[in-house]
Amino acid sequence: MHTVSDRNMQIARQTFEAICARDLDGLLEFYDADIEFQPLTGMEVELGGYRGHAGVRRYLDEAAEVWDEMLPHVDDLRAVEDHVVILGGCAVRGRGSGAISDNPMAWVLTFRDGKVARHRAYRTREEALDAVGLED
């Protein structure tokens, strides 16, 4: 029998698979219509992030202008209440430069009614774990 936490962790993995595949429609199926999308970089980060499906589209369009590839990866998942903490990193290849980097990152996905209501990126695993009251 699958718990809500199991289902949320499965959805969290599927969101990352959709981002890697550049499957925007597939990604948006997992997101609430009023998603709060808060990446580390982007034109609207200082304004509190991107809102709704249109905001996620804008962010991914912006990212595609900068990165030929953007491949977030999951190394570990932890569920706590209505959150899933994703510990991993993001490999990118710069558009034009071809420069490749793979930096550790972490994310917290917050669920509401079976959908991701908030997707927030953190520079470190400690920040993400702290955001939900967990220790490493």
Protein backbone atom coordinates (compact mmCIF):
# COMPACT_ATOMS: atom_id res chain seq x y z
CA MET A 1 0.00 0.00 0.00
CA HIS A 2 1.40 3.38 -1.04
CA THR A 3 1.30 6.25 1.39
CA VAL A 4 0.82 9.90 0.51
CA SER A 5 4.55 10.38 1.16
CA ASP A 6 5.40 7.58 -1.31
CA ARG A 7 3.17 9.16 -3.95
CA ASN A 8 4.68 12.60 -3.34
CA MET A 9 8.21 11.20 -3.68
CA GLN A 10 7.21 9.49 -6.94
CA ILE A 11 5.79 12.77 -8.28
CA ALA A 12 8.96 14.61 -7.19
CA ARG A 13 11.08 12.19 -9.26
CA GLN A 14 8.73 12.54 -12.22
CA THR A 15 8.98 16.34 -12.16
CA PHE A 16 12.75 16.07 -12.51
CA GLU A 17 12.42 13.53 -15.32
CA ALA A 18 10.09 15.93 -17.13
CA ILE A 19 12.50 18.86 -16.68
CA CYS A 20 15.40 16.78 -18.03
CA ALA A 21 13.30 15.69 -21.02
CA ARG A 22 12.11 19.28 -21.59
CA ASP A 23 8.57 17.91 -21.36
CA LEU A 24 6.81 21.08 -20.26
CA ASP A 25 3.30 19.72 -20.63
CA GLY A 26 4.23 16.63 -18.65
CA LEU A 27 5.82 18.78 -15.95
CA LEU A 28 2.81 21.07 -15.63
CA GLU A 29 0.54 18.07 -15.03
CA PHE A 30 2.28 17.66 -11.65
CA TYR A 31 2.07 21.35 -10.73
CA ASP A 32 -0.85 23.15 -9.14
CA ALA A 33 -2.22 25.93 -11.40
CA ASP A 34 -0.96 28.48 -8.83
CA ILE A 35 2.51 26.90 -8.40
CA GLU A 36 5.15 29.00 -6.66
CA PHE A 37 8.32 28.21 -8.61
CA GLN A 38 11.46 29.56 -6.96
CA PRO A 39 14.72 28.70 -8.76
CA LEU A 40 18.12 30.08 -7.75
CA THR A 41 18.48 32.22 -10.87
CA GLY A 42 16.18 33.88 -13.35
CA MET A 43 14.66 37.22 -14.23
CA GLU A 44 11.92 37.00 -11.58
CA VAL A 45 13.84 35.48 -8.65
CA GLU A 46 14.19 38.83 -6.87
CA LEU A 47 10.43 39.31 -7.23
CA GLY A 48 9.77 36.12 -5.25
CA GLY A 49 9.98 33.65 -8.10
CA TYR A 50 7.65 32.59 -10.86
CA ARG A 51 3.91 32.07 -10.41
CA GLY A 52 1.52 29.69 -12.09
CA HIS A 53 2.01 27.59 -15.19
CA ALA A 54 2.79 30.71 -17.26
CA GLY A 55 5.58 31.57 -14.83
CA VAL A 56 7.11 28.10 -15.09
CA ARG A 57 7.00 28.42 -18.89
CA ARG A 58 8.78 31.80 -18.69
CA TYR A 59 11.47 30.40 -16.45
CA LEU A 60 12.12 27.35 -18.65
CA ASP A 61 12.23 29.59 -21.74
CA GLU A 62 14.79 31.80 -19.99
CA ALA A 63 16.83 28.76 -18.92
CA ALA A 64 16.82 27.42 -22.51
CA GLU A 65 18.37 30.71 -23.67
CA VAL A 66 21.27 30.22 -21.23
CA TRP A 67 21.70 26.43 -21.12
CA ASP A 68 21.84 23.91 -23.96
CA GLU A 69 21.19 21.29 -21.30
CA MET A 70 19.81 21.58 -17.79
CA LEU A 71 19.74 18.21 -16.08
CA PRO A 72 18.78 18.25 -12.41
CA HIS A 73 19.45 14.93 -10.72
CA VAL A 74 18.13 13.26 -7.60
CA ASP A 75 20.55 11.54 -5.23
CA ASP A 76 18.25 11.23 -2.21
CA LEU A 77 14.64 12.00 -1.30
CA ARG A 78 13.18 12.66 2.13
CA ALA A 79 9.51 13.17 2.88
CA VAL A 80 8.34 15.23 5.83
CA GLU A 81 4.68 16.16 6.25
CA ASP A 82 3.55 17.71 2.93
CA HIS A 83 7.10 18.33 1.70
CA VAL A 84 9.63 16.31 -0.26
CA VAL A 85 13.27 17.31 0.08
CA ILE A 86 15.35 16.45 -2.96
CA LEU A 87 19.09 16.24 -2.48
CA GLY A 88 21.12 16.14 -5.65
CA GLY A 89 22.53 18.56 -8.15
CA CYS A 90 22.12 20.13 -11.54
CA ALA A 91 24.35 19.53 -14.53
CA VAL A 92 24.27 22.28 -17.15
CA ARG A 93 25.95 23.01 -20.45
CA GLY A 94 26.18 26.65 -21.45
CA ARG A 95 24.64 27.74 -24.72
CA GLY A 96 27.37 29.06 -26.97
CA SER A 97 30.26 28.41 -24.58
CA GLY A 98 29.63 24.69 -24.22
CA ALA A 99 30.97 24.97 -20.66
CA ILE A 100 29.77 22.14 -18.43
CA SER A 101 29.23 22.26 -14.70
CA ASP A 102 27.49 20.03 -12.19
CA ASN A 103 26.78 21.73 -8.90
CA PRO A 104 25.27 20.24 -5.76
CA MET A 105 21.80 21.59 -5.08
CA ALA A 106 18.69 20.75 -3.13
CA TRP A 107 15.00 21.45 -3.55
CA VAL A 108 11.88 21.39 -1.43
CA LEU A 109 8.62 20.51 -3.16
CA THR A 110 5.50 21.28 -1.15
CA PHE A 111 2.34 19.37 -2.01
CA ARG A 112 -1.30 20.36 -1.82
CA ASP A 113 -4.13 18.08 -2.95
CA GLY A 114 -1.73 15.72 -4.78
CA LYS A 115 -0.01 18.46 -6.80
CA VAL A 116 3.21 20.42 -6.32
CA ALA A 117 2.16 23.81 -4.93
CA ARG A 118 5.69 25.11 -4.35
CA HIS A 119 9.02 24.17 -5.94
CA ARG A 120 11.95 25.93 -4.30
CA ALA A 121 15.67 25.51 -5.00
CA TYR A 122 18.45 25.80 -2.42
CA ARG A 123 22.20 26.09 -2.88
CA THR A 124 22.95 23.53 -0.15
CA ARG A 125 21.37 20.43 1.27
CA GLU A 126 21.60 21.96 4.74
CA GLU A 127 19.43 24.93 3.72
CA ALA A 128 16.77 22.64 2.22
CA LEU A 129 16.73 20.29 5.21
CA ASP A 130 16.57 23.24 7.60
CA ALA A 131 13.62 24.67 5.66
CA VAL A 132 11.53 21.65 6.68
CA GLY A 133 13.03 21.13 10.13
CA LEU A 134 15.29 18.17 9.32
CA GLU A 135 18.96 17.63 10.11
CA ASP A 136 21.47 15.89 7.89
